[in-house]
């Protein structure tokens, strides 16, 4: 799913000319879908950031699971990019 979302957004960003604001916003949403789904996954029963048997072995930078930290950072970067694009438009 991540490769599909990323590839689709790259084609929309660099394969279509001219790049317009609506196409950029759709590409940002497409790229961010995977990470938003990852951030929301623990809301579903039986889903966690790490498997229980590996809980003690997993390093927790900033007190977060690695996948959790990555998903929050990528979602923040996507929101920042969209904000910059809207300011420039």
PDB file of N, CA and C in Angstrom:
ATOM      1  N   UNK A   1       0.827  -1.191   0.000  1.00  0.00           N
ATOM      2  CA  UNK A   1       0.000   0.000   0.000  1.00  0.00           C
ATOM      3  C   UNK A   1       0.872   1.255   0.000  1.00  0.00           C
ATOM      4  N   UNK A   2       1.948   1.220   0.770  1.00  0.00           N
ATOM      5  CA  UNK A   2       2.839   2.377   0.814  1.00  0.00           C
ATOM      6  C   UNK A   2       3.493   2.655  -0.521  1.00  0.00           C
ATOM      7  N   UNK A   3       3.942   1.590  -1.199  1.00  0.00           N
ATOM      8  CA  UNK A   3       4.582   1.762  -2.507  1.00  0.00           C
ATOM      9  C   UNK A   3       3.568   2.273  -3.522  1.00  0.00           C
ATOM     10  N   UNK A   4       2.348   1.750  -3.485  1.00  0.00           N
ATOM     11  CA  UNK A   4       1.313   2.205  -4.414  1.00  0.00           C
ATOM     12  C   UNK A   4       0.958   3.671  -4.194  1.00  0.00           C
ATOM     13  N   UNK A   5       0.756   4.072  -2.943  1.00  0.00           N
ATOM     14  CA  UNK A   5       0.432   5.476  -2.652  1.00  0.00           C
ATOM     15  C   UNK A   5       1.588   6.400  -3.034  1.00  0.00           C
ATOM     16  N   UNK A   6       2.808   5.997  -2.683  1.00  0.00           N
ATOM     17  CA  UNK A   6       3.967   6.822  -3.008  1.00  0.00           C
ATOM     18  C   UNK A   6       4.194   6.940  -4.504  1.00  0.00           C
ATOM     19  N   UNK A   7       4.080   5.825  -5.218  1.00  0.00           N
ATOM     20  CA  UNK A   7       4.273   5.855  -6.670  1.00  0.00           C
ATOM     21  C   UNK A   7       3.209   6.693  -7.362  1.00  0.00           C
ATOM     22  N   UNK A   8       1.974   6.546  -6.924  1.00  0.00           N
ATOM     23  CA  UNK A   8       0.891   7.326  -7.520  1.00  0.00           C
ATOM     24  C   UNK A   8       1.095   8.819  -7.301  1.00  0.00           C
ATOM     25  N   UNK A   9       1.503   9.182  -6.089  1.00  0.00           N
ATOM     26  CA  UNK A   9       1.714  10.608  -5.828  1.00  0.00           C
ATOM     27  C   UNK A   9       2.909  11.153  -6.613  1.00  0.00           C
ATOM     28  N   UNK A  10       3.961  10.357  -6.783  1.00  0.00           N
ATOM     29  CA  UNK A  10       5.106  10.810  -7.583  1.00  0.00           C
ATOM     30  C   UNK A  10       4.734  10.998  -9.048  1.00  0.00           C
ATOM     31  N   UNK A  11       3.922  10.099  -9.583  1.00  0.00           N
ATOM     32  CA  UNK A  11       3.475  10.257 -10.973  1.00  0.00           C
ATOM     33  C   UNK A  11       2.637  11.523 -11.100  1.00  0.00           C
ATOM     34  N   UNK A  12       1.781  11.777 -10.128  1.00  0.00           N
ATOM     35  CA  UNK A  12       0.956  12.981 -10.188  1.00  0.00           C
ATOM     36  C   UNK A  12       1.799  14.243 -10.059  1.00  0.00           C
ATOM     37  N   UNK A  13       2.844  14.199  -9.238  1.00  0.00           N
ATOM     38  CA  UNK A  13       3.680  15.381  -9.049  1.00  0.00           C
ATOM     39  C   UNK A  13       4.609  15.649 -10.223  1.00  0.00           C
ATOM     40  N   UNK A  14       5.241  14.589 -10.733  1.00  0.00           N
ATOM     41  CA  UNK A  14       6.280  14.793 -11.742  1.00  0.00           C
ATOM     42  C   UNK A  14       5.896  14.309 -13.141  1.00  0.00           C
ATOM     43  N   UNK A  15       4.844  13.523 -13.256  1.00  0.00           N
ATOM     44  CA  UNK A  15       4.463  12.987 -14.555  1.00  0.00           C
ATOM     45  C   UNK A  15       3.443  13.837 -15.287  1.00  0.00           C
ATOM     46  N   UNK A  16       2.671  14.590 -14.535  1.00  0.00           N
ATOM     47  CA  UNK A  16       1.653  15.433 -15.150  1.00  0.00           C
ATOM     48  C   UNK A  16       2.168  16.863 -15.246  1.00  0.00           C
ATOM     49  N   UNK A  17       1.953  17.477 -16.364  1.00  0.00           N
ATOM     50  CA  UNK A  17       2.356  18.861 -16.532  1.00  0.00           C
ATOM     51  C   UNK A  17       1.192  19.655 -17.029  1.00  0.00           C
ATOM     52  N   UNK A  18       0.962  20.833 -16.655  1.00  0.00           N
ATOM     53  CA  UNK A  18       1.608  21.550 -15.569  1.00  0.00           C
ATOM     54  C   UNK A  18       1.037  21.125 -14.224  1.00  0.00           C
ATOM     55  N   UNK A  19       1.850  21.249 -13.211  1.00  0.00           N
ATOM     56  CA  UNK A  19       1.421  20.917 -11.855  1.00  0.00           C
ATOM     57  C   UNK A  19       0.572  22.066 -11.323  1.00  0.00           C
ATOM     58  N   UNK A  20      -0.634  21.753 -10.915  1.00  0.00           N
ATOM     59  CA  UNK A  20      -1.534  22.766 -10.377  1.00  0.00           C
ATOM     60  C   UNK A  20      -1.769  22.481  -8.905  1.00  0.00           C
ATOM     61  N   UNK A  21      -2.347  23.433  -8.213  1.00  0.00           N
ATOM     62  CA  UNK A  21      -2.606  23.273  -6.790  1.00  0.00           C
ATOM     63  C   UNK A  21      -3.548  22.102  -6.496  1.00  0.00           C
ATOM     64  N   UNK A  22      -4.644  21.931  -7.240  1.00  0.00           N
ATOM     65  CA  UNK A  22      -5.500  20.770  -6.953  1.00  0.00           C
ATOM     66  C   UNK A  22      -4.787  19.432  -7.134  1.00  0.00           C
ATOM     67  N   UNK A  23      -3.956  19.318  -8.166  1.00  0.00           N
ATOM     68  CA  UNK A  23      -3.202  18.076  -8.377  1.00  0.00           C
ATOM     69  C   UNK A  23      -2.209  17.875  -7.248  1.00  0.00           C
ATOM     70  N   UNK A  24      -1.563  18.939  -6.793  1.00  0.00           N
ATOM     71  CA  UNK A  24      -0.630  18.832  -5.672  1.00  0.00           C
ATOM     72  C   UNK A  24      -1.342  18.368  -4.403  1.00  0.00           C
ATOM     73  N   UNK A  25      -2.525  18.931  -4.134  1.00  0.00           N
ATOM     74  CA  UNK A  25      -3.266  18.548  -2.936  1.00  0.00           C
ATOM     75  C   UNK A  25      -3.713  17.093  -2.999  1.00  0.00           C
ATOM     76  N   UNK A  26      -4.142  16.640  -4.165  1.00  0.00           N
ATOM     77  CA  UNK A  26      -4.532  15.239  -4.314  1.00  0.00           C
ATOM     78  C   UNK A  26      -3.317  14.330  -4.134  1.00  0.00           C
ATOM     79  N   UNK A  27      -2.169  14.739  -4.661  1.00  0.00           N
ATOM     80  CA  UNK A  27      -0.943  13.947  -4.498  1.00  0.00           C
ATOM     81  C   UNK A  27      -0.521  13.894  -3.033  1.00  0.00           C
ATOM     82  N   UNK A  28      -0.663  14.991  -2.309  1.00  0.00           N
ATOM     83  CA  UNK A  28      -0.315  15.009  -0.889  1.00  0.00           C
ATOM     84  C   UNK A  28      -1.236  14.101  -0.083  1.00  0.00           C
ATOM     85  N   UNK A  29      -2.515  14.125  -0.397  1.00  0.00           N
ATOM     86  CA  UNK A  29      -3.469  13.250   0.295  1.00  0.00           C
ATOM     87  C   UNK A  29      -3.176  11.792  -0.036  1.00  0.00           C
ATOM     88  N   UNK A  30      -2.865  11.507  -1.284  1.00  0.00           N
ATOM     89  CA  UNK A  30      -2.549  10.141  -1.692  1.00  0.00           C
ATOM     90  C   UNK A  30      -1.297   9.636  -0.983  1.00  0.00           C
ATOM     91  N   UNK A  31      -0.274  10.462  -0.898  1.00  0.00           N
ATOM     92  CA  UNK A  31       0.963  10.050  -0.228  1.00  0.00           C
ATOM     93  C   UNK A  31       0.756   9.904   1.269  1.00  0.00           C
ATOM     94  N   UNK A  32      -0.084  10.748   1.851  1.00  0.00           N
ATOM     95  CA  UNK A  32      -0.282  10.714   3.292  1.00  0.00           C
ATOM     96  C   UNK A  32      -1.252   9.651   3.779  1.00  0.00           C
ATOM     97  N   UNK A  33      -2.049   9.070   2.871  1.00  0.00           N
ATOM     98  CA  UNK A  33      -3.038   8.067   3.279  1.00  0.00           C
ATOM     99  C   UNK A  33      -2.424   6.916   4.055  1.00  0.00           C
ATOM    100  N   UNK A  34      -1.305   6.419   3.604  1.00  0.00           N
ATOM    101  CA  UNK A  34      -0.659   5.279   4.258  1.00  0.00           C
ATOM    102  C   UNK A  34      -0.262   5.628   5.686  1.00  0.00           C
ATOM    103  N   UNK A  35       0.293   6.802   5.882  1.00  0.00           N
ATOM    104  CA  UNK A  35       0.774   7.183   7.206  1.00  0.00           C
ATOM    105  C   UNK A  35      -0.368   7.585   8.133  1.00  0.00           C
ATOM    106  N   UNK A  36      -1.430   8.146   7.593  1.00  0.00           N
ATOM    107  CA  UNK A  36      -2.612   8.424   8.407  1.00  0.00           C
ATOM    108  C   UNK A  36      -3.236   7.110   8.855  1.00  0.00           C
ATOM    109  N   UNK A  37      -3.313   6.138   7.960  1.00  0.00           N
ATOM    110  CA  UNK A  37      -3.835   4.822   8.328  1.00  0.00           C
ATOM    111  C   UNK A  37      -2.958   4.180   9.397  1.00  0.00           C
ATOM    112  N   UNK A  38      -1.651   4.351   9.283  1.00  0.00           N
ATOM    113  CA  UNK A  38      -0.741   3.800  10.283  1.00  0.00           C
ATOM    114  C   UNK A  38      -0.951   4.486  11.636  1.00  0.00           C
ATOM    115  N   UNK A  39      -1.162   5.782  11.629  1.00  0.00           N
ATOM    116  CA  UNK A  39      -1.358   6.508  12.886  1.00  0.00           C
ATOM    117  C   UNK A  39      -2.679   6.135  13.551  1.00  0.00           C
ATOM    118  N   UNK A  40      -3.690   5.814  12.760  1.00  0.00           N
ATOM    119  CA  UNK A  40      -5.006   5.477  13.299  1.00  0.00           C
ATOM    120  C   UNK A  40      -5.188   3.988  13.582  1.00  0.00           C
ATOM    121  N   UNK A  41      -4.237   3.166  13.170  1.00  0.00           N
ATOM    122  CA  UNK A  41      -4.379   1.713  13.311  1.00  0.00           C
ATOM    123  C   UNK A  41      -4.623   1.248  14.747  1.00  0.00           C
ATOM    124  N   UNK A  42      -3.962   1.807  15.771  1.00  0.00           N
ATOM    125  CA  UNK A  42      -4.210   1.315  17.133  1.00  0.00           C
ATOM    126  C   UNK A  42      -5.626   1.561  17.653  1.00  0.00           C
ATOM    127  N   UNK A  43      -6.424   2.331  16.955  1.00  0.00           N
ATOM    128  CA  UNK A  43      -7.808   2.520  17.376  1.00  0.00           C
ATOM    129  C   UNK A  43      -8.650   1.262  17.154  1.00  0.00           C
ATOM    130  N   UNK A  44      -8.179   0.371  16.296  1.00  0.00           N
ATOM    131  CA  UNK A  44      -8.898  -0.852  15.998  1.00  0.00           C
ATOM    132  C   UNK A  44      -8.483  -1.957  16.969  1.00  0.00           C
ATOM    133  N   UNK A  45      -9.423  -2.763  17.445  1.00  0.00           N
ATOM    134  CA  UNK A  45      -9.106  -3.824  18.411  1.00  0.00           C
ATOM    135  C   UNK A  45      -8.083  -4.820  17.868  1.00  0.00           C
ATOM    136  N   UNK A  46      -7.152  -5.199  18.728  1.00  0.00           N
ATOM    137  CA  UNK A  46      -6.143  -6.188  18.358  1.00  0.00           C
ATOM    138  C   UNK A  46      -4.975  -5.636  17.574  1.00  0.00           C
ATOM    139  N   UNK A  47      -4.904  -4.338  17.401  1.00  0.00           N
ATOM    140  CA  UNK A  47      -3.815  -3.721  16.641  1.00  0.00           C
ATOM    141  C   UNK A  47      -2.938  -2.920  17.591  1.00  0.00           C
ATOM    142  N   UNK A  48      -1.636  -3.095  17.463  1.00  0.00           N
ATOM    143  CA  UNK A  48      -0.703  -2.347  18.300  1.00  0.00           C
ATOM    144  C   UNK A  48       0.483  -1.875  17.489  1.00  0.00           C
ATOM    145  N   UNK A  49       1.310  -1.071  18.123  1.00  0.00           N
ATOM    146  CA  UNK A  49       2.493  -0.554  17.431  1.00  0.00           C
ATOM    147  C   UNK A  49       3.545  -1.626  17.258  1.00  0.00           C
ATOM    148  N   UNK A  50       3.649  -2.531  18.213  1.00  0.00           N
ATOM    149  CA  UNK A  50       4.608  -3.631  18.116  1.00  0.00           C
ATOM    150  C   UNK A  50       3.932  -4.920  18.559  1.00  0.00           C
ATOM    151  N   UNK A  51       4.474  -6.045  18.136  1.00  0.00           N
ATOM    152  CA  UNK A  51       3.982  -7.333  18.598  1.00  0.00           C
ATOM    153  C   UNK A  51       4.337  -7.498  20.069  1.00  0.00           C
ATOM    154  N   UNK A  52       3.456  -8.109  20.842  1.00  0.00           N
ATOM    155  CA  UNK A  52       3.706  -8.245  22.285  1.00  0.00           C
ATOM    156  C   UNK A  52       5.020  -8.957  22.610  1.00  0.00           C
ATOM    157  N   UNK A  53       5.417  -9.939  21.807  1.00  0.00           N
ATOM    158  CA  UNK A  53       6.658 -10.663  22.115  1.00  0.00           C
ATOM    159  C   UNK A  53       7.912  -9.828  21.871  1.00  0.00           C
ATOM    160  N   UNK A  54       7.793  -8.755  21.108  1.00  0.00           N
ATOM    161  CA  UNK A  54       8.944  -7.890  20.834  1.00  0.00           C
ATOM    162  C   UNK A  54       8.860  -6.558  21.586  1.00  0.00           C
ATOM    163  N   UNK A  55       7.892  -6.410  22.453  1.00  0.00           N
ATOM    164  CA  UNK A  55       7.659  -5.147  23.159  1.00  0.00           C
ATOM    165  C   UNK A  55       8.883  -4.693  23.950  1.00  0.00           C
ATOM    166  N   UNK A  56       9.558  -5.608  24.645  1.00  0.00           N
ATOM    167  CA  UNK A  56      10.705  -5.225  25.466  1.00  0.00           C
ATOM    168  C   UNK A  56      11.952  -4.967  24.637  1.00  0.00           C
ATOM    169  N   UNK A  57      12.031  -5.539  23.441  1.00  0.00           N
ATOM    170  CA  UNK A  57      13.223  -5.386  22.593  1.00  0.00           C
ATOM    171  C   UNK A  57      13.183  -4.142  21.717  1.00  0.00           C
ATOM    172  N   UNK A  58      12.027  -3.536  21.578  1.00  0.00           N
ATOM    173  CA  UNK A  58      11.866  -2.402  20.672  1.00  0.00           C
ATOM    174  C   UNK A  58      12.290  -1.107  21.352  1.00  0.00           C
ATOM    175  N   UNK A  59      13.228  -0.407  20.715  1.00  0.00           N
ATOM    176  CA  UNK A  59      13.653   0.902  21.233  1.00  0.00           C
ATOM    177  C   UNK A  59      12.509   1.894  21.050  1.00  0.00           C
ATOM    178  N   UNK A  60      12.390   2.828  21.989  1.00  0.00           N
ATOM    179  CA  UNK A  60      11.309   3.814  21.936  1.00  0.00           C
ATOM    180  C   UNK A  60      11.893   5.227  21.967  1.00  0.00           C
ATOM    181  N   UNK A  61      12.270   5.759  20.785  1.00  0.00           N
ATOM    182  CA  UNK A  61      12.754   7.138  20.753  1.00  0.00           C
ATOM    183  C   UNK A  61      11.625   8.102  21.108  1.00  0.00           C
ATOM    184  N   UNK A  62      11.908   9.018  21.996  1.00  0.00           N
ATOM    185  CA  UNK A  62      10.936  10.006  22.476  1.00  0.00           C
ATOM    186  C   UNK A  62       9.720   9.348  23.137  1.00  0.00           C
ATOM    187  N   UNK A  63       9.877   8.102  23.582  1.00  0.00           N
ATOM    188  CA  UNK A  63       8.788   7.396  24.236  1.00  0.00           C
ATOM    189  C   UNK A  63       7.731   6.856  23.285  1.00  0.00           C
ATOM    190  N   UNK A  64       7.993   6.918  21.995  1.00  0.00           N
ATOM    191  CA  UNK A  64       7.049   6.439  20.987  1.00  0.00           C
ATOM    192  C   UNK A  64       7.614   5.218  20.282  1.00  0.00           C
ATOM    193  N   UNK A  65       6.723   4.365  19.790  1.00  0.00           N
ATOM    194  CA  UNK A  65       7.159   3.257  18.947  1.00  0.00           C
ATOM    195  C   UNK A  65       7.723   3.837  17.649  1.00  0.00           C
ATOM    196  N   UNK A  66       8.708   3.164  17.033  1.00  0.00           N
ATOM    197  CA  UNK A  66       9.308   3.717  15.806  1.00  0.00           C
ATOM    198  C   UNK A  66       8.290   4.011  14.701  1.00  0.00           C
ATOM    199  N   UNK A  67       7.330   3.097  14.487  1.00  0.00           N
ATOM    200  CA  UNK A  67       6.319   3.326  13.453  1.00  0.00           C
ATOM    201  C   UNK A  67       5.449   4.524  13.802  1.00  0.00           C
ATOM    202  N   UNK A  68       5.169   4.687  15.081  1.00  0.00           N
ATOM    203  CA  UNK A  68       4.349   5.803  15.537  1.00  0.00           C
ATOM    204  C   UNK A  68       5.076   7.121  15.284  1.00  0.00           C
ATOM    205  N   UNK A  69       6.346   7.176  15.623  1.00  0.00           N
ATOM    206  CA  UNK A  69       7.142   8.383  15.404  1.00  0.00           C
ATOM    207  C   UNK A  69       7.224   8.723  13.920  1.00  0.00           C
ATOM    208  N   UNK A  70       7.482   7.719  13.086  1.00  0.00           N
ATOM    209  CA  UNK A  70       7.590   7.945  11.644  1.00  0.00           C
ATOM    210  C   UNK A  70       6.269   8.446  11.076  1.00  0.00           C
ATOM    211  N   UNK A  71       5.166   7.832  11.492  1.00  0.00           N
ATOM    212  CA  UNK A  71       3.873   8.254  10.941  1.00  0.00           C
ATOM    213  C   UNK A  71       3.533   9.678  11.360  1.00  0.00           C
ATOM    214  N   UNK A  72       3.831  10.056  12.590  1.00  0.00           N
ATOM    215  CA  UNK A  72       3.561  11.427  13.018  1.00  0.00           C
ATOM    216  C   UNK A  72       4.438  12.433  12.280  1.00  0.00           C
ATOM    217  N   UNK A  73       5.706  12.108  12.077  1.00  0.00           N
ATOM    218  CA  UNK A  73       6.622  13.019  11.380  1.00  0.00           C
ATOM    219  C   UNK A  73       6.195  13.198   9.921  1.00  0.00           C
ATOM    220  N   UNK A  74       5.874  12.097   9.236  1.00  0.00           N
ATOM    221  CA  UNK A  74       5.470  12.194   7.828  1.00  0.00           C
ATOM    222  C   UNK A  74       4.148  12.953   7.685  1.00  0.00           C
ATOM    223  N   UNK A  75       3.193  12.688   8.573  1.00  0.00           N
ATOM    224  CA  UNK A  75       1.925  13.439   8.521  1.00  0.00           C
ATOM    225  C   UNK A  75       2.166  14.929   8.758  1.00  0.00           C
ATOM    226  N   UNK A  76       3.054  15.245   9.685  1.00  0.00           N
ATOM    227  CA  UNK A  76       3.391  16.649   9.935  1.00  0.00           C
ATOM    228  C   UNK A  76       4.058  17.299   8.742  1.00  0.00           C
ATOM    229  N   UNK A  77       4.978  16.575   8.087  1.00  0.00           N
ATOM    230  CA  UNK A  77       5.629  17.114   6.894  1.00  0.00           C
ATOM    231  C   UNK A  77       4.641  17.330   5.756  1.00  0.00           C
ATOM    232  N   UNK A  78       3.712  16.404   5.586  1.00  0.00           N
ATOM    233  CA  UNK A  78       2.713  16.564   4.529  1.00  0.00           C
ATOM    234  C   UNK A  78       1.822  17.774   4.804  1.00  0.00           C
ATOM    235  N   UNK A  79       1.417  17.950   6.044  1.00  0.00           N
ATOM    236  CA  UNK A  79       0.607  19.123   6.392  1.00  0.00           C
ATOM    237  C   UNK A  79       1.394  20.421   6.205  1.00  0.00           C
ATOM    238  N   UNK A  80       2.677  20.404   6.547  1.00  0.00           N
ATOM    239  CA  UNK A  80       3.530  21.572   6.357  1.00  0.00           C
ATOM    240  C   UNK A  80       3.653  21.915   4.870  1.00  0.00           C
ATOM    241  N   UNK A  81       3.846  20.891   4.022  1.00  0.00           N
ATOM    242  CA  UNK A  81       3.968  21.115   2.579  1.00  0.00           C
ATOM    243  C   UNK A  81       2.670  21.674   2.001  1.00  0.00           C
ATOM    244  N   UNK A  82       1.547  21.145   2.461  1.00  0.00           N
ATOM    245  CA  UNK A  82       0.261  21.653   1.981  1.00  0.00           C
ATOM    246  C   UNK A  82       0.069  23.099   2.429  1.00  0.00           C
ATOM    247  N   UNK A  83       0.456  23.402   3.663  1.00  0.00           N
ATOM    248  CA  UNK A  83       0.362  24.780   4.146  1.00  0.00           C
ATOM    249  C   UNK A  83       1.209  25.737   3.331  1.00  0.00           C
ATOM    250  N   UNK A  84       2.427  25.328   3.004  1.00  0.00           N
ATOM    251  CA  UNK A  84       3.296  26.172   2.166  1.00  0.00           C
ATOM    252  C   UNK A  84       2.700  26.367   0.780  1.00  0.00           C
ATOM    253  N   UNK A  85       2.153  25.292   0.233  1.00  0.00           N
ATOM    254  CA  UNK A  85       1.561  25.399  -1.116  1.00  0.00           C
ATOM    255  C   UNK A  85       0.366  26.350  -1.102  1.00  0.00           C
ATOM    256  N   UNK A  86      -0.429  26.280  -0.049  1.00  0.00           N
ATOM    257  CA  UNK A  86      -1.588  27.175   0.017  1.00  0.00           C
ATOM    258  C   UNK A  86      -1.163  28.625   0.221  1.00  0.00           C
ATOM    259  N   UNK A  87      -0.075  28.854   0.969  1.00  0.00           N
ATOM    260  CA  UNK A  87       0.421  30.217   1.147  1.00  0.00           C
ATOM    261  C   UNK A  87       0.986  30.795  -0.138  1.00  0.00           C
ATOM    262  N   UNK A  88       1.619  29.953  -0.946  1.00  0.00           N
ATOM    263  CA  UNK A  88       2.218  30.407  -2.202  1.00  0.00           C
ATOM    264  C   UNK A  88       1.181  30.635  -3.286  1.00  0.00           C
ATOM    265  N   UNK A  89       0.038  30.025  -3.140  1.00  0.00           N
ATOM    266  CA  UNK A  89      -0.995  30.119  -4.182  1.00  0.00           C
ATOM    267  C   UNK A  89      -1.734  31.382  -4.027  1.00  0.00           C
TER     268      UNK A  89
END
